[in-house]
């Protein structure tokens, strides 16, 4: 049941641009294989793997859609299988969105 609940969310994630929530301030500490990110105002702290750190850093640098994020992450991390990356990227976006650290900006259609 959980898999069917998350499937529509994943496809919805690919239809949006993402930006950093303007109400948060982040402080980063990097140790190569992992990064610790602290949301300064709440004190909430997360440990990120390289992929999640790359996603968050790209969004922190400016609003991005899933294609822009995939291109930046592939360039940064090297040899990554696109099908696996898409699923992992959507999972990371969903997690960051649920935390309130990022927010969607609907893409214009037409």
Protein backbone atom coordinates (compact mmCIF):
# COMPACT_ATOMS: atom_id res chain seq x y z
CA UNK A 1 0.00 0.00 0.00
CA UNK A 2 2.82 2.44 0.76
CA UNK A 3 4.35 1.96 -2.70
CA UNK A 4 1.07 2.85 -4.43
CA UNK A 5 0.66 5.88 -2.16
CA UNK A 6 4.09 7.22 -3.11
CA UNK A 7 3.90 6.59 -6.87
CA UNK A 8 1.68 9.59 -7.69
CA UNK A 9 3.87 11.82 -5.53
CA UNK A 10 7.00 10.76 -7.41
CA UNK A 11 5.54 11.59 -10.80
CA UNK A 12 4.28 14.90 -9.40
CA UNK A 13 7.78 15.72 -8.17
CA UNK A 14 9.13 15.63 -11.70
CA UNK A 15 6.61 18.26 -12.83
CA UNK A 16 7.86 20.97 -10.51
CA UNK A 17 10.81 23.23 -9.92
CA UNK A 18 12.22 23.23 -6.44
CA UNK A 19 13.61 26.04 -4.33
CA UNK A 20 14.98 26.43 -0.86
CA UNK A 21 12.32 27.40 1.66
CA UNK A 22 13.10 31.10 2.29
CA UNK A 23 12.26 30.71 5.99
CA UNK A 24 15.24 28.44 6.73
CA UNK A 25 18.98 29.01 7.16
CA UNK A 26 21.39 26.13 6.65
CA UNK A 27 24.85 25.51 8.03
CA UNK A 28 26.95 22.78 6.37
CA UNK A 29 29.82 20.59 7.57
CA UNK A 30 31.33 18.25 4.97
CA UNK A 31 33.42 15.16 5.67
CA UNK A 32 33.80 13.73 2.18
CA UNK A 33 31.50 10.70 2.24
CA UNK A 34 28.84 12.48 4.25
CA UNK A 35 27.65 15.96 5.12
CA UNK A 36 25.89 17.28 8.20
CA UNK A 37 23.36 20.03 7.60
CA UNK A 38 21.86 22.06 10.41
CA UNK A 39 18.77 24.20 9.99
CA UNK A 40 19.94 27.04 12.22
CA UNK A 41 16.57 28.38 13.37
CA UNK A 42 15.08 25.04 14.47
CA UNK A 43 18.29 23.20 15.30
CA UNK A 44 17.14 20.30 13.13
CA UNK A 45 20.19 18.32 11.99
CA UNK A 46 20.51 15.77 9.18
CA UNK A 47 23.34 13.59 7.92
CA UNK A 48 23.36 13.47 4.11
CA UNK A 49 24.92 10.92 1.81
CA UNK A 50 26.71 12.40 -1.25
CA UNK A 51 23.59 12.26 -3.45
CA UNK A 52 21.30 13.97 -0.94
CA UNK A 53 23.99 16.58 -0.25
CA UNK A 54 24.34 17.24 -3.99
CA UNK A 55 20.56 17.63 -4.37
CA UNK A 56 20.33 20.04 -1.46
CA UNK A 57 23.38 22.04 -2.61
CA UNK A 58 21.93 22.40 -6.13
CA UNK A 59 18.60 23.62 -4.80
CA UNK A 60 20.31 25.92 -2.32
CA UNK A 61 22.23 27.46 -5.25
CA UNK A 62 18.95 28.24 -7.07
CA UNK A 63 15.59 26.80 -8.09
CA UNK A 64 15.91 23.68 -10.19
CA UNK A 65 13.70 21.15 -11.95
CA UNK A 66 14.40 17.43 -11.97
CA UNK A 67 16.24 17.52 -15.34
CA UNK A 68 18.59 20.26 -14.11
CA UNK A 69 19.20 18.36 -10.88
CA UNK A 70 19.90 15.12 -12.74
CA UNK A 71 22.39 16.79 -15.07
CA UNK A 72 24.21 18.49 -12.19
CA UNK A 73 24.33 15.32 -10.10
CA UNK A 74 25.54 13.18 -13.01
CA UNK A 75 28.29 15.72 -13.67
CA UNK A 76 29.22 15.83 -9.97
CA UNK A 77 29.02 12.12 -9.10
CA UNK A 78 30.18 10.67 -12.41
CA UNK A 79 28.99 7.28 -13.64
CA UNK A 80 25.41 6.98 -12.35
CA UNK A 81 22.63 4.93 -13.93
CA UNK A 82 19.81 7.35 -14.89
CA UNK A 83 16.92 5.00 -13.96
CA UNK A 84 18.29 4.45 -10.47
CA UNK A 85 19.15 8.13 -10.13
CA UNK A 86 15.61 9.24 -10.98
CA UNK A 87 14.07 7.10 -8.22
CA UNK A 88 16.70 8.14 -5.69
CA UNK A 89 16.40 11.80 -6.65
CA UNK A 90 12.61 11.74 -6.25
CA UNK A 91 12.99 10.07 -2.84
CA UNK A 92 15.45 12.78 -1.76
CA UNK A 93 13.13 15.56 -3.01
CA UNK A 94 10.18 14.03 -1.20
CA UNK A 95 12.17 13.79 2.04
CA UNK A 96 13.43 17.39 1.83
CA UNK A 97 9.93 18.62 0.98
CA UNK A 98 8.40 16.79 3.97
CA UNK A 99 11.04 18.38 6.20
CA UNK A 100 9.99 21.80 4.89
CA UNK A 101 13.54 22.58 3.72
CA UNK A 102 12.53 22.88 0.06
CA UNK A 103 9.28 23.84 -1.62
CA UNK A 104 7.82 23.27 -5.07
CA UNK A 105 7.24 25.94 -7.66
CA UNK A 106 4.72 24.68 -10.24
CA UNK A 107 6.07 24.67 -13.79
CA UNK A 108 4.20 26.84 -16.29
CA UNK A 109 2.35 24.85 -18.93
CA UNK A 110 1.43 25.89 -22.39
